[in-house]
């Protein structure tokens, strides 16, 4: 089981709340489960959710806030 300090990750990468963090991890895990070649490090035997958590924790996946103007374009 992976234990992570959620508050530390949110502060370190300026993630506004736990919901956004959970969505980031879920979206990344979904992408990994569809195509394992997208892994950013050699964690081949890990489940996609564990790999996604590690990638976010290590800063390999970044959070970018979209604005309404950017979404409309």
Protein backbone atom coordinates (compact mmCIF):
# COMPACT_ATOMS: atom_id res chain seq x y z
CA UNK A 1 0.00 0.00 0.00
CA UNK A 2 1.23 3.49 -0.81
CA UNK A 3 1.12 6.16 1.87
CA UNK A 4 1.47 9.75 0.66
CA UNK A 5 1.21 13.11 2.38
CA UNK A 6 -1.64 14.68 0.41
CA UNK A 7 -1.22 18.11 2.00
CA UNK A 8 2.48 18.17 1.12
CA UNK A 9 1.80 17.26 -2.53
CA UNK A 10 -0.90 19.94 -2.76
CA UNK A 11 1.43 22.62 -1.35
CA UNK A 12 4.47 21.56 -3.37
CA UNK A 13 2.69 21.61 -6.74
CA UNK A 14 0.06 24.32 -6.01
CA UNK A 15 -2.91 22.01 -6.37
CA UNK A 16 -5.95 23.87 -5.01
CA UNK A 17 -7.83 20.99 -3.33
CA UNK A 18 -8.04 17.23 -2.78
CA UNK A 19 -10.71 16.84 -5.45
CA UNK A 20 -8.40 18.19 -8.15
CA UNK A 21 -5.58 15.94 -6.92
CA UNK A 22 -7.87 12.89 -7.02
CA UNK A 23 -9.01 13.78 -10.53
CA UNK A 24 -5.40 14.19 -11.70
CA UNK A 25 -4.47 10.78 -10.34
CA UNK A 26 -7.59 9.10 -11.74
CA UNK A 27 -7.10 10.62 -15.19
CA UNK A 28 -3.44 9.56 -15.24
CA UNK A 29 -4.28 6.03 -14.03
CA UNK A 30 -6.91 5.71 -16.76
CA UNK A 31 -4.38 6.74 -19.41
CA UNK A 32 -1.88 4.22 -18.04
CA UNK A 33 -4.40 1.39 -18.01
CA UNK A 34 -5.25 2.07 -21.66
CA UNK A 35 -1.61 2.20 -22.77
CA UNK A 36 1.16 0.99 -20.44
CA UNK A 37 3.80 2.43 -22.81
CA UNK A 38 2.90 5.91 -21.48
CA UNK A 39 4.67 5.22 -18.16
CA UNK A 40 7.20 7.88 -17.26
CA UNK A 41 9.39 5.50 -15.27
CA UNK A 42 10.05 1.77 -15.04
CA UNK A 43 7.20 0.61 -12.86
CA UNK A 44 5.99 -2.06 -15.24
CA UNK A 45 4.47 -4.45 -12.72
CA UNK A 46 2.69 -1.84 -10.59
CA UNK A 47 -1.01 -1.24 -10.95
CA UNK A 48 -1.86 1.93 -12.89
CA UNK A 49 -3.21 3.72 -9.80
CA UNK A 50 0.04 3.19 -7.88
CA UNK A 51 2.10 4.37 -10.86
CA UNK A 52 -0.11 7.47 -11.24
CA UNK A 53 0.28 8.35 -7.55
CA UNK A 54 4.05 7.98 -7.75
CA UNK A 55 4.25 10.11 -10.90
CA UNK A 56 2.22 12.92 -9.32
CA UNK A 57 4.16 12.68 -6.04
CA UNK A 58 7.51 12.85 -7.89
CA UNK A 59 6.43 15.80 -10.04
CA UNK A 60 6.47 13.91 -13.33
CA UNK A 61 2.85 14.89 -14.00
CA UNK A 62 2.07 18.60 -13.69
CA UNK A 63 -1.13 20.42 -12.77
CA UNK A 64 -2.13 23.21 -15.15
CA UNK A 65 -5.22 25.27 -14.33
CA UNK A 66 -7.40 25.95 -17.35
CA UNK A 67 -9.26 29.21 -17.65
CA UNK A 68 -12.61 29.65 -19.35
CA UNK A 69 -10.92 31.54 -22.21
CA UNK A 70 -8.45 28.69 -22.79
CA UNK A 71 -11.28 26.12 -22.85
CA UNK A 72 -13.31 28.12 -25.39
CA UNK A 73 -10.43 28.28 -27.88
